[in-house]
């Protein structure tokens, strides 16, 4: 799991135009870590803070929120997040949200090519034993 957090932090740094201080958290404000699935990365710049959330609770999703520099995440409504209840705020901050954007991956296709022949128009039985 630590390797995934490091990967996310490096990926975040690669897309940042200016130097930012990165901090990664796994399941912040979650008491029952077994039923959580949220990676949270902050990228503090000179004028603002970028908050990145990656989740696999349901469909894989990513959320990016920009706040003023001194604004911090104060709480997460885990019940609303698990139930996909968008009628109330799930993420609360100590200051205003300046901008936000999100992406949800609604479909994921797995391509199985054990013989490395790249024939996508044929169906191959899975040769791996089922457990």
Protein backbone atom coordinates (compact mmCIF):
# COMPACT_ATOMS: atom_id res chain seq x y z
CA UNK A 1 0.00 0.00 0.00
CA UNK A 2 2.89 2.35 0.75
CA UNK A 3 4.17 1.86 -2.79
CA UNK A 4 0.79 3.00 -4.14
CA UNK A 5 0.87 6.12 -1.98
CA UNK A 6 4.38 6.94 -3.16
CA UNK A 7 3.28 6.43 -6.78
CA UNK A 8 0.34 8.78 -6.30
CA UNK A 9 2.56 11.39 -4.66
CA UNK A 10 5.09 11.20 -7.51
CA UNK A 11 2.32 11.39 -10.10
CA UNK A 12 0.88 14.45 -8.38
CA UNK A 13 4.27 16.14 -8.33
CA UNK A 14 4.78 15.47 -12.03
CA UNK A 15 1.63 17.40 -12.94
CA UNK A 16 2.33 20.34 -10.68
CA UNK A 17 3.69 23.47 -12.38
CA UNK A 18 5.34 24.90 -9.27
CA UNK A 19 7.06 23.35 -6.28
CA UNK A 20 4.63 21.92 -3.75
CA UNK A 21 4.95 20.13 -0.44
CA UNK A 22 3.21 16.75 -0.75
CA UNK A 23 1.60 14.87 2.11
CA UNK A 24 -0.18 11.53 1.65
CA UNK A 25 -2.82 9.98 3.94
CA UNK A 26 -4.67 6.70 3.75
CA UNK A 27 -8.29 6.72 4.95
CA UNK A 28 -8.25 9.98 6.96
CA UNK A 29 -10.91 10.32 9.69
CA UNK A 30 -11.94 6.66 9.20
CA UNK A 31 -12.35 4.60 12.37
CA UNK A 32 -12.95 1.26 10.62
CA UNK A 33 -9.99 1.02 8.24
CA UNK A 34 -11.29 -2.26 6.75
CA UNK A 35 -14.32 -0.52 5.23
CA UNK A 36 -12.46 2.48 3.85
CA UNK A 37 -10.72 2.90 0.54
CA UNK A 38 -9.53 6.47 0.14
CA UNK A 39 -6.12 7.88 -0.67
CA UNK A 40 -5.78 11.58 0.16
CA UNK A 41 -2.84 13.70 -1.01
CA UNK A 42 -2.32 17.40 -0.28
CA UNK A 43 -0.04 19.54 -2.42
CA UNK A 44 0.73 22.84 -0.66
CA UNK A 45 1.95 25.60 -2.96
CA UNK A 46 2.85 29.23 -2.38
CA UNK A 47 -0.73 30.51 -2.80
CA UNK A 48 -3.06 27.53 -2.49
CA UNK A 49 -3.45 23.89 -1.52
CA UNK A 50 -4.54 21.17 -3.91
CA UNK A 51 -6.40 18.27 -2.33
CA UNK A 52 -6.48 15.00 -4.30
CA UNK A 53 -8.78 12.11 -3.39
CA UNK A 54 -8.61 8.65 -5.01
CA UNK A 55 -11.23 6.07 -4.11
CA UNK A 56 -12.34 2.60 -5.12
CA UNK A 57 -15.53 2.61 -3.06
CA UNK A 58 -17.76 1.64 -5.96
CA UNK A 59 -16.43 2.78 -9.34
CA UNK A 60 -12.84 4.08 -9.27
CA UNK A 61 -12.91 7.86 -8.92
CA UNK A 62 -10.58 10.83 -8.50
CA UNK A 63 -11.44 14.24 -7.09
CA UNK A 64 -9.30 17.38 -7.11
CA UNK A 65 -10.15 20.38 -4.92
CA UNK A 66 -8.33 23.71 -4.73
CA UNK A 67 -8.49 25.72 -1.49
CA UNK A 68 -6.63 28.71 -0.05
CA UNK A 69 -3.25 27.88 1.45
CA UNK A 70 -4.41 27.87 5.08
CA UNK A 71 -7.51 25.70 4.47
CA UNK A 72 -7.47 22.12 5.76
CA UNK A 73 -9.69 19.07 5.47
CA UNK A 74 -11.69 18.96 8.72
CA UNK A 75 -13.95 15.93 8.24
CA UNK A 76 -15.20 13.24 5.89
CA UNK A 77 -18.73 11.87 6.02
CA UNK A 78 -17.82 8.21 5.58
CA UNK A 79 -21.44 7.04 5.79
CA UNK A 80 -22.44 9.34 2.92
CA UNK A 81 -19.36 8.32 0.93
CA UNK A 82 -20.06 4.59 1.32
CA UNK A 83 -23.75 5.05 0.42
CA UNK A 84 -22.93 7.39 -2.50
CA UNK A 85 -25.23 9.98 -0.89
CA UNK A 86 -24.52 13.24 -2.70
CA UNK A 87 -27.31 15.19 -0.98
CA UNK A 88 -24.82 16.59 1.56
CA UNK A 89 -21.17 17.56 1.64
CA UNK A 90 -18.88 14.57 2.02
CA UNK A 91 -15.60 16.48 2.37
CA UNK A 92 -15.55 19.52 4.66
CA UNK A 93 -12.77 22.10 4.74
CA UNK A 94 -11.86 24.88 7.17
CA UNK A 95 -12.00 27.43 4.33
CA UNK A 96 -13.72 27.96 0.99
CA UNK A 97 -13.36 25.69 -2.04
CA UNK A 98 -11.93 27.71 -4.93
CA UNK A 99 -12.38 25.06 -7.63
CA UNK A 100 -12.98 21.34 -8.01
CA UNK A 101 -13.05 18.64 -10.66
CA UNK A 102 -13.67 14.91 -10.68
CA UNK A 103 -13.53 11.87 -12.89
CA UNK A 104 -15.24 8.49 -12.48
CA UNK A 105 -14.16 5.39 -14.38
CA UNK A 106 -17.51 3.76 -15.07
CA UNK A 107 -16.24 0.76 -17.04
CA UNK A 108 -13.01 -1.19 -16.88
CA UNK A 109 -12.14 -3.81 -19.45
CA UNK A 110 -9.57 -6.46 -18.66
CA UNK A 111 -7.64 -7.81 -21.61
CA UNK A 112 -6.20 -11.29 -21.12
CA UNK A 113 -3.40 -12.07 -23.59
CA UNK A 114 -1.35 -14.92 -22.08
CA UNK A 115 0.28 -15.78 -25.44
CA UNK A 116 1.14 -12.14 -26.24
CA UNK A 117 -0.50 -12.25 -29.69
CA UNK A 118 -2.65 -9.11 -29.35
CA UNK A 119 -5.75 -10.66 -30.92
CA UNK A 120 -8.54 -8.64 -29.35
CA UNK A 121 -11.29 -10.06 -31.57
CA UNK A 122 -11.03 -13.61 -30.22
CA UNK A 123 -12.03 -15.05 -26.89
CA UNK A 124 -9.44 -17.05 -25.01
CA UNK A 125 -10.26 -19.17 -22.01
CA UNK A 126 -8.46 -18.11 -18.90
CA UNK A 127 -5.57 -20.52 -18.48
CA UNK A 128 -4.93 -19.54 -14.90
CA UNK A 129 -6.36 -21.89 -12.26
CA UNK A 130 -9.37 -20.58 -10.38
CA UNK A 131 -9.10 -20.48 -6.58
